[in-house]
Amino acid sequence: MDWIIEELTTLSLGDKRLERRAEKVLAQLSRNATDSIPTACGGAGETKAAYRFFDNDRVSSDLI
């Protein structure tokens, strides 16, 4: 999914781990755009990681 990397080249969340998580979450959700987050993520651990990403104070829709 090269388009994800290209789309997020200007993303700067101040933490490379958050930026890698953004790529992963976007990839999961784009493959399964109509599914719920738990279904799109495919497992409890990945779902929890996605929700923690969205809940992180350093992540906002304006930044993304």
N, C-alpha and C. Protein backbone atom coordinates (compact mmCIF):
# COMPACT_ATOMS: atom_id res chain seq x y z
N MET A 1 0.84 -1.19 0.00
CA MET A 1 0.00 0.00 0.00
C MET A 1 0.88 1.25 0.00
N ASP A 2 1.50 1.47 -1.12
CA ASP A 2 2.38 2.62 -1.26
C ASP A 2 1.64 3.95 -1.10
N TRP A 3 0.35 3.97 -1.45
CA TRP A 3 -0.39 5.22 -1.36
C TRP A 3 -0.49 5.70 0.09
N ILE A 4 -0.51 4.78 1.03
CA ILE A 4 -0.60 5.16 2.44
C ILE A 4 0.67 5.89 2.86
N ILE A 5 1.81 5.34 2.50
CA ILE A 5 3.08 5.99 2.83
C ILE A 5 3.16 7.36 2.18
N GLU A 6 2.74 7.43 0.92
CA GLU A 6 2.75 8.73 0.21
C GLU A 6 1.79 9.72 0.87
N GLU A 7 0.63 9.25 1.23
CA GLU A 7 -0.39 10.11 1.85
C GLU A 7 0.07 10.66 3.20
N LEU A 8 0.84 9.86 3.93
CA LEU A 8 1.23 10.25 5.28
C LEU A 8 2.65 10.81 5.36
N THR A 9 3.27 11.16 4.24
CA THR A 9 4.64 11.67 4.27
C THR A 9 4.78 12.94 5.09
N THR A 10 3.75 13.74 5.15
CA THR A 10 3.83 14.99 5.92
C THR A 10 3.31 14.84 7.35
N LEU A 11 2.87 13.65 7.70
CA LEU A 11 2.36 13.42 9.05
C LEU A 11 3.49 13.55 10.06
N SER A 12 3.27 14.37 11.06
CA SER A 12 4.27 14.56 12.11
C SER A 12 3.56 14.57 13.46
N LEU A 13 3.57 13.43 14.11
CA LEU A 13 2.92 13.31 15.41
C LEU A 13 3.92 13.44 16.55
N GLY A 14 5.18 13.64 16.21
CA GLY A 14 6.21 13.80 17.23
C GLY A 14 6.72 12.49 17.81
N ASP A 15 6.28 11.38 17.25
CA ASP A 15 6.69 10.07 17.75
C ASP A 15 6.58 9.08 16.58
N LYS A 16 7.70 8.50 16.19
CA LYS A 16 7.72 7.58 15.06
C LYS A 16 6.82 6.38 15.28
N ARG A 17 6.67 5.96 16.54
CA ARG A 17 5.79 4.82 16.81
C ARG A 17 4.34 5.15 16.49
N LEU A 18 3.91 6.36 16.83
CA LEU A 18 2.55 6.79 16.51
C LEU A 18 2.37 6.89 15.00
N GLU A 19 3.39 7.37 14.31
CA GLU A 19 3.29 7.49 12.86
C GLU A 19 3.21 6.12 12.19
N ARG A 20 3.97 5.14 12.69
CA ARG A 20 3.86 3.78 12.16
C ARG A 20 2.49 3.18 12.47
N ARG A 21 1.97 3.47 13.65
CA ARG A 21 0.64 2.98 14.01
C ARG A 21 -0.41 3.61 13.10
N ALA A 22 -0.26 4.89 12.77
CA ALA A 22 -1.20 5.55 11.86
C ALA A 22 -1.22 4.83 10.52
N GLU A 23 -0.05 4.48 10.01
CA GLU A 23 0.03 3.75 8.74
C GLU A 23 -0.69 2.41 8.85
N LYS A 24 -0.46 1.71 9.93
CA LYS A 24 -1.06 0.39 10.11
C LYS A 24 -2.58 0.49 10.23
N VAL A 25 -3.06 1.44 11.03
CA VAL A 25 -4.51 1.60 11.21
C VAL A 25 -5.15 2.00 9.89
N LEU A 26 -4.54 2.92 9.16
CA LEU A 26 -5.09 3.34 7.88
C LEU A 26 -5.15 2.17 6.90
N ALA A 27 -4.12 1.35 6.89
CA ALA A 27 -4.11 0.18 6.01
C ALA A 27 -5.24 -0.78 6.38
N GLN A 28 -5.40 -1.04 7.67
CA GLN A 28 -6.45 -1.96 8.12
C GLN A 28 -7.84 -1.43 7.76
N LEU A 29 -8.06 -0.16 8.02
CA LEU A 29 -9.38 0.41 7.78
C LEU A 29 -9.67 0.58 6.29
N SER A 30 -8.65 0.84 5.49
CA SER A 30 -8.89 1.02 4.06
C SER A 30 -9.19 -0.30 3.36
N ARG A 31 -8.63 -1.40 3.86
CA ARG A 31 -8.93 -2.72 3.28
C ARG A 31 -10.36 -3.14 3.59
N ASN A 32 -10.88 -2.65 4.67
CA ASN A 32 -12.20 -3.06 5.15
C ASN A 32 -13.02 -1.83 5.51
N ALA A 33 -13.20 -0.94 4.57
CA ALA A 33 -13.76 0.39 4.84
C ALA A 33 -15.17 0.38 5.43
N THR A 34 -15.94 -0.63 5.14
CA THR A 34 -17.32 -0.64 5.66
C THR A 34 -17.45 -1.45 6.95
N ASP A 35 -16.37 -2.09 7.36
CA ASP A 35 -16.41 -2.89 8.59
C ASP A 35 -16.23 -2.02 9.82
N SER A 36 -16.65 -2.55 10.95
CA SER A 36 -16.38 -1.87 12.22
C SER A 36 -14.88 -1.93 12.49
N ILE A 37 -14.41 -1.14 13.42
CA ILE A 37 -12.98 -1.14 13.75
C ILE A 37 -12.54 -2.53 14.23
N PRO A 38 -13.27 -3.17 15.13
CA PRO A 38 -12.83 -4.51 15.56
C PRO A 38 -12.76 -5.52 14.40
N THR A 39 -13.72 -5.48 13.51
CA THR A 39 -13.71 -6.40 12.38
C THR A 39 -12.57 -6.07 11.43
N ALA A 40 -12.37 -4.79 11.14
CA ALA A 40 -11.31 -4.38 10.21
C ALA A 40 -9.93 -4.71 10.76
N CYS A 41 -9.76 -4.59 12.06
CA CYS A 41 -8.45 -4.84 12.67
C CYS A 41 -8.14 -6.32 12.78
N GLY A 42 -9.16 -7.15 12.90
CA GLY A 42 -8.97 -8.58 12.84
C GLY A 42 -8.54 -9.29 14.11
N GLY A 43 -8.40 -8.60 15.19
CA GLY A 43 -8.02 -9.26 16.44
C GLY A 43 -8.12 -8.31 17.60
N ALA A 44 -8.18 -8.88 18.79
CA ALA A 44 -8.34 -8.06 19.99
C ALA A 44 -7.16 -7.12 20.22
N GLY A 45 -5.94 -7.62 20.01
CA GLY A 45 -4.76 -6.79 20.23
C GLY A 45 -4.67 -5.62 19.27
N GLU A 46 -4.94 -5.89 18.00
CA GLU A 46 -4.91 -4.82 16.99
C GLU A 46 -6.04 -3.82 17.20
N THR A 47 -7.20 -4.31 17.62
CA THR A 47 -8.32 -3.42 17.90
C THR A 47 -7.98 -2.50 19.07
N LYS A 48 -7.42 -3.07 20.11
CA LYS A 48 -7.03 -2.26 21.28
C LYS A 48 -5.99 -1.22 20.88
N ALA A 49 -5.03 -1.60 20.05
CA ALA A 49 -4.01 -0.67 19.59
C ALA A 49 -4.62 0.47 18.77
N ALA A 50 -5.60 0.15 17.93
CA ALA A 50 -6.26 1.19 17.13
C ALA A 50 -7.00 2.17 18.03
N TYR A 51 -7.76 1.65 18.99
CA TYR A 51 -8.49 2.54 19.90
C TYR A 51 -7.54 3.37 20.76
N ARG A 52 -6.43 2.80 21.19
CA ARG A 52 -5.44 3.58 21.95
C ARG A 52 -4.84 4.67 21.07
N PHE A 53 -4.61 4.36 19.80
CA PHE A 53 -4.10 5.37 18.87
C PHE A 53 -5.08 6.53 18.77
N PHE A 54 -6.36 6.23 18.55
CA PHE A 54 -7.36 7.30 18.42
C PHE A 54 -7.53 8.09 19.71
N ASP A 55 -7.30 7.46 20.84
CA ASP A 55 -7.48 8.09 22.15
C ASP A 55 -6.25 8.87 22.61
N ASN A 56 -5.14 8.74 21.89
CA ASN A 56 -3.89 9.38 22.29
C ASN A 56 -4.02 10.91 22.17
N ASP A 57 -3.58 11.62 23.19
CA ASP A 57 -3.67 13.08 23.21
C ASP A 57 -2.86 13.75 22.11
N ARG A 58 -1.83 13.06 21.63
CA ARG A 58 -0.99 13.64 20.57
C ARG A 58 -1.54 13.40 19.17
N VAL A 59 -2.67 12.71 19.06
CA VAL A 59 -3.28 12.40 17.78
C VAL A 59 -4.59 13.18 17.68
N SER A 60 -4.75 13.91 16.58
CA SER A 60 -5.99 14.63 16.34
C SER A 60 -6.31 14.58 14.85
N SER A 61 -7.57 14.78 14.53
CA SER A 61 -7.95 14.79 13.12
C SER A 61 -7.28 15.92 12.36
N ASP A 62 -7.02 17.03 13.03
CA ASP A 62 -6.32 18.15 12.38
C ASP A 62 -4.91 17.75 11.96
N LEU A 63 -4.21 17.00 12.80
CA LEU A 63 -2.85 16.58 12.48
C LEU A 63 -2.83 15.54 11.36
N ILE A 64 -3.81 14.67 11.38
CA ILE A 64 -3.85 13.61 10.37
C ILE A 64 -4.39 14.17 9.08
